[in-house]
Amino acid sequence: MEVWKKSPERLLTFWVRNEHRVEDLRMRSPKSVLTIRYHDLCVDGRRIGQEICRFLEVPVDQRFLDLCEQSSREGANDRYRDFPLRLSEDARTLIKAYDLRL
């Protein structure tokens, strides 16, 4: 997908726009949206993978769980730890809303 080749700021704008769409869907049909925090995926990827499978009502696939668990390994996400990104006010508002809801 070409969108991932854009600058971090453009990616953030893309994320904000799509999160508004997700929120609209969540308001209309709350059970049709599963929210996963990146932090939770990094801390316990296997458990989050199982939640995804339950939500989608599909059998748990060991290969999928292994991929989810890779995110939990020490140092797997270190390259993102100090990534500089200027958050727009809209992005800050969305993030605060997630923190309050979760």
Protein backbone atom coordinates (compact mmCIF):
# COMPACT_ATOMS: atom_id res chain seq x y z
CA MET A 1 0.00 0.00 0.00
CA GLU A 2 1.52 3.32 -1.08
CA VAL A 3 0.36 5.17 2.01
CA TRP A 4 3.18 3.64 4.10
CA LYS A 5 5.79 5.35 1.93
CA LYS A 6 4.65 8.79 3.09
CA SER A 7 6.18 10.98 5.78
CA PRO A 8 5.31 10.30 9.43
CA GLU A 9 3.18 13.45 9.54
CA ARG A 10 1.16 12.35 6.50
CA LEU A 11 0.76 8.89 8.02
CA LEU A 12 -0.56 10.50 11.17
CA THR A 13 -3.08 12.50 9.15
CA PHE A 14 -4.14 9.28 7.40
CA TRP A 15 -4.51 7.54 10.79
CA VAL A 16 -6.59 10.38 12.26
CA ARG A 17 -8.95 10.42 9.26
CA ASN A 18 -9.45 6.66 9.45
CA GLU A 19 -9.89 6.68 13.23
CA HIS A 20 -12.77 9.10 12.80
CA ARG A 21 -14.36 6.57 10.44
CA VAL A 22 -13.83 3.81 13.00
CA GLU A 23 -15.40 5.95 15.72
CA ASP A 24 -18.43 6.56 13.51
CA LEU A 25 -18.77 2.81 13.01
CA ARG A 26 -18.28 2.17 16.75
CA MET A 27 -21.12 4.59 17.54
CA ARG A 28 -23.47 2.86 15.10
CA SER A 29 -22.43 -0.72 15.86
CA PRO A 30 -20.24 -1.07 18.99
CA LYS A 31 -19.79 -4.83 18.67
CA SER A 32 -18.34 -4.53 15.17
CA VAL A 33 -15.11 -2.82 16.30
CA LEU A 34 -12.25 -4.33 18.30
CA THR A 35 -9.79 -1.82 19.72
CA ILE A 36 -6.25 -3.05 20.28
CA ARG A 37 -3.67 -0.85 21.92
CA TYR A 38 -0.20 -1.16 20.43
CA HIS A 39 1.23 -1.27 23.95
CA ASP A 40 -0.90 -4.32 24.79
CA LEU A 41 0.21 -6.08 21.61
CA CYS A 42 3.85 -5.44 22.55
CA VAL A 43 3.38 -6.62 26.13
CA ASP A 44 1.29 -9.74 25.49
CA GLY A 45 1.05 -10.43 21.77
CA ARG A 46 -0.17 -14.01 22.14
CA ARG A 47 -3.14 -12.98 24.32
CA ILE A 48 -4.05 -10.16 21.91
CA GLY A 49 -3.85 -12.60 18.99
CA GLN A 50 -6.29 -14.88 20.76
CA GLU A 51 -8.64 -11.92 21.36
CA ILE A 52 -8.51 -11.08 17.65
CA CYS A 53 -9.42 -14.65 16.71
CA ARG A 54 -12.32 -14.69 19.21
CA PHE A 55 -13.58 -11.35 17.90
CA LEU A 56 -13.44 -12.57 14.30
CA GLU A 57 -14.93 -15.92 15.31
CA VAL A 58 -12.17 -17.82 13.52
CA PRO A 59 -10.11 -20.75 14.78
CA VAL A 60 -6.90 -19.80 16.55
CA ASP A 61 -3.96 -20.39 14.22
CA GLN A 62 -0.62 -21.14 15.90
CA ARG A 63 1.33 -19.36 13.13
CA PHE A 64 -0.74 -16.22 13.68
CA LEU A 65 -0.15 -16.37 17.44
CA ASP A 66 3.58 -16.81 16.83
CA LEU A 67 3.60 -13.64 14.72
CA CYS A 68 1.69 -11.75 17.40
CA GLU A 69 4.10 -13.01 20.04
CA GLN A 70 7.09 -11.67 18.08
CA SER A 71 5.88 -8.19 18.99
CA SER A 72 6.24 -9.12 22.65
CA ARG A 73 9.89 -10.10 22.49
CA GLU A 74 12.34 -7.86 24.27
CA GLY A 75 13.73 -5.27 21.88
CA ALA A 76 11.34 -6.14 19.04
CA ASN A 77 10.02 -2.58 18.91
CA ASP A 78 13.00 -0.61 20.16
CA ARG A 79 13.43 1.15 16.83
CA TYR A 80 10.15 3.00 17.48
CA ARG A 81 10.83 4.01 21.07
CA ASP A 82 12.31 7.46 20.44
CA PHE A 83 10.76 8.12 17.06
CA PRO A 84 10.17 11.88 16.77
CA LEU A 85 6.66 12.74 15.68
CA ARG A 86 4.76 15.97 16.08
CA LEU A 87 1.19 15.11 17.00
CA SER A 88 -1.59 17.24 15.60
CA GLU A 89 -4.24 18.46 18.01
CA ASP A 90 -6.73 16.09 16.38
CA ALA A 91 -4.39 13.16 17.01
CA ARG A 92 -3.90 14.18 20.65
CA THR A 93 -7.68 14.31 21.12
CA LEU A 94 -8.09 10.81 19.66
CA ILE A 95 -5.32 9.40 21.83
CA LYS A 96 -6.83 10.92 24.97
CA ALA A 97 -10.21 9.44 24.06
CA TYR A 98 -8.62 5.99 23.71
CA ASP A 99 -6.87 6.33 27.06
CA LEU A 100 -10.13 7.23 28.75
CA ARG A 101 -12.06 4.41 27.09
CA LEU A 102 -9.48 1.66 27.67
